[in-house]
C-alpha cells in the first residue's frame, strides 16, 4: 500500500498519524491527499469514486467501504 505519514512526532499512537495517500482497495489507484487523513476519516477514490472509512487494525490501515 502506498501510505506515507507527515512529520516525525516520534513514538506515539498509531491512530494519531496523518497519512497523505492511499491505494484504493477496489481499483488499486494511488490517491494523494494534500491535506492528509487520519484514522476515523472518510476518503474517496479519485479514480473509481468508491468511499471508505479509514480504520487501524493490527498496526495497518484498513479501508471499509461505505
C-alpha atoms as a PDB file:
ATOM      1  CA  UNK A   1       0.000   0.000   0.000  1.00  0.00           C
ATOM      2  CA  UNK A   2       1.373   3.449  -0.823  1.00  0.00           C
ATOM      3  CA  UNK A   3       0.997   5.161   2.551  1.00  0.00           C
ATOM      4  CA  UNK A   4       3.222   7.882   3.920  1.00  0.00           C
ATOM      5  CA  UNK A   5       2.903   9.954   7.035  1.00  0.00           C
ATOM      6  CA  UNK A   6       3.517  13.626   7.704  1.00  0.00           C
ATOM      7  CA  UNK A   7       6.071  14.757  10.220  1.00  0.00           C
ATOM      8  CA  UNK A   8       8.196  12.854  12.676  1.00  0.00           C
ATOM      9  CA  UNK A   9       6.476  13.117  16.025  1.00  0.00           C
ATOM     10  CA  UNK A  10       8.454  10.223  17.474  1.00  0.00           C
ATOM     11  CA  UNK A  11       6.756   7.316  19.175  1.00  0.00           C
ATOM     12  CA  UNK A  12       3.057   7.854  19.582  1.00  0.00           C
ATOM     13  CA  UNK A  13      -0.375   6.475  18.992  1.00  0.00           C
ATOM     14  CA  UNK A  14      -0.692   4.880  15.539  1.00  0.00           C
ATOM     15  CA  UNK A  15      -4.209   6.281  15.219  1.00  0.00           C
ATOM     16  CA  UNK A  16      -2.956   9.874  15.591  1.00  0.00           C
ATOM     17  CA  UNK A  17      -0.765   9.731  12.483  1.00  0.00           C
ATOM     18  CA  UNK A  18      -1.676  11.715   9.377  1.00  0.00           C
ATOM     19  CA  UNK A  19      -1.305   9.914   6.042  1.00  0.00           C
ATOM     20  CA  UNK A  20      -1.011  11.658   2.709  1.00  0.00           C
ATOM     21  CA  UNK A  21      -2.014   8.952   0.222  1.00  0.00           C
ATOM     22  CA  UNK A  22      -3.627   5.544  -0.088  1.00  0.00           C
ATOM     23  CA  UNK A  23      -4.100   2.801  -2.658  1.00  0.00           C
ATOM     24  CA  UNK A  24      -7.756   2.138  -3.432  1.00  0.00           C
ATOM     25  CA  UNK A  25      -8.735  -1.398  -2.343  1.00  0.00           C
ATOM     26  CA  UNK A  26     -11.234  -1.613  -5.247  1.00  0.00           C
ATOM     27  CA  UNK A  27      -9.255  -0.350  -8.263  1.00  0.00           C
ATOM     28  CA  UNK A  28      -5.647  -0.085  -6.932  1.00  0.00           C
ATOM     29  CA  UNK A  29      -5.341   3.589  -7.964  1.00  0.00           C
ATOM     30  CA  UNK A  30      -2.948   5.783  -5.959  1.00  0.00           C
ATOM     31  CA  UNK A  31      -4.859   8.627  -4.276  1.00  0.00           C
ATOM     32  CA  UNK A  32      -2.825  11.571  -2.958  1.00  0.00           C
ATOM     33  CA  UNK A  33      -4.428  13.715  -0.221  1.00  0.00           C
ATOM     34  CA  UNK A  34      -2.624  17.067   0.133  1.00  0.00           C
ATOM     35  CA  UNK A  35      -4.367  17.824   3.452  1.00  0.00           C
ATOM     36  CA  UNK A  36      -3.845  14.284   4.710  1.00  0.00           C
ATOM     37  CA  UNK A  37      -6.230  11.945   6.506  1.00  0.00           C
ATOM     38  CA  UNK A  38      -6.288  10.036   9.793  1.00  0.00           C
ATOM     39  CA  UNK A  39      -7.997   7.035  11.323  1.00  0.00           C
ATOM     40  CA  UNK A  40     -11.745   7.710  11.513  1.00  0.00           C
ATOM     41  CA  UNK A  41     -11.836   9.933   8.424  1.00  0.00           C
ATOM     42  CA  UNK A  42     -13.766   9.148   5.261  1.00  0.00           C
ATOM     43  CA  UNK A  43     -11.827   9.119   1.983  1.00  0.00           C
ATOM     44  CA  UNK A  44     -12.883   8.829  -1.647  1.00  0.00           C
ATOM     45  CA  UNK A  45     -11.004   7.264  -4.558  1.00  0.00           C
ATOM     46  CA  UNK A  46     -10.417   9.946  -7.170  1.00  0.00           C
ATOM     47  CA  UNK A  47     -10.466   7.332  -9.945  1.00  0.00           C
ATOM     48  CA  UNK A  48     -13.435   4.999  -9.298  1.00  0.00           C
ATOM     49  CA  UNK A  49     -15.343   7.153  -6.780  1.00  0.00           C
ATOM     50  CA  UNK A  50     -15.586   4.494  -4.061  1.00  0.00           C
ATOM     51  CA  UNK A  51     -15.809   5.852  -0.491  1.00  0.00           C
ATOM     52  CA  UNK A  52     -14.126   4.323   2.533  1.00  0.00           C
ATOM     53  CA  UNK A  53     -13.939   4.785   6.300  1.00  0.00           C
ATOM     54  CA  UNK A  54     -10.308   4.680   7.486  1.00  0.00           C
ATOM     55  CA  UNK A  55      -9.576   2.208  10.314  1.00  0.00           C
ATOM     56  CA  UNK A  56      -6.453   0.867  12.005  1.00  0.00           C
ATOM     57  CA  UNK A  57      -6.191  -2.866  12.597  1.00  0.00           C
ATOM     58  CA  UNK A  58      -3.071  -4.710  13.667  1.00  0.00           C
ATOM     59  CA  UNK A  59      -0.934  -1.628  13.071  1.00  0.00           C
ATOM     60  CA  UNK A  60      -2.076  -1.321   9.434  1.00  0.00           C
ATOM     61  CA  UNK A  61      -4.579   0.972   7.760  1.00  0.00           C
ATOM     62  CA  UNK A  62      -7.773  -0.697   6.652  1.00  0.00           C
ATOM     63  CA  UNK A  63     -10.460   0.817   4.444  1.00  0.00           C
ATOM     64  CA  UNK A  64     -14.090  -0.168   4.973  1.00  0.00           C
ATOM     65  CA  UNK A  65     -16.438   0.562   2.087  1.00  0.00           C
ATOM     66  CA  UNK A  66     -19.292   2.928   3.000  1.00  0.00           C
END
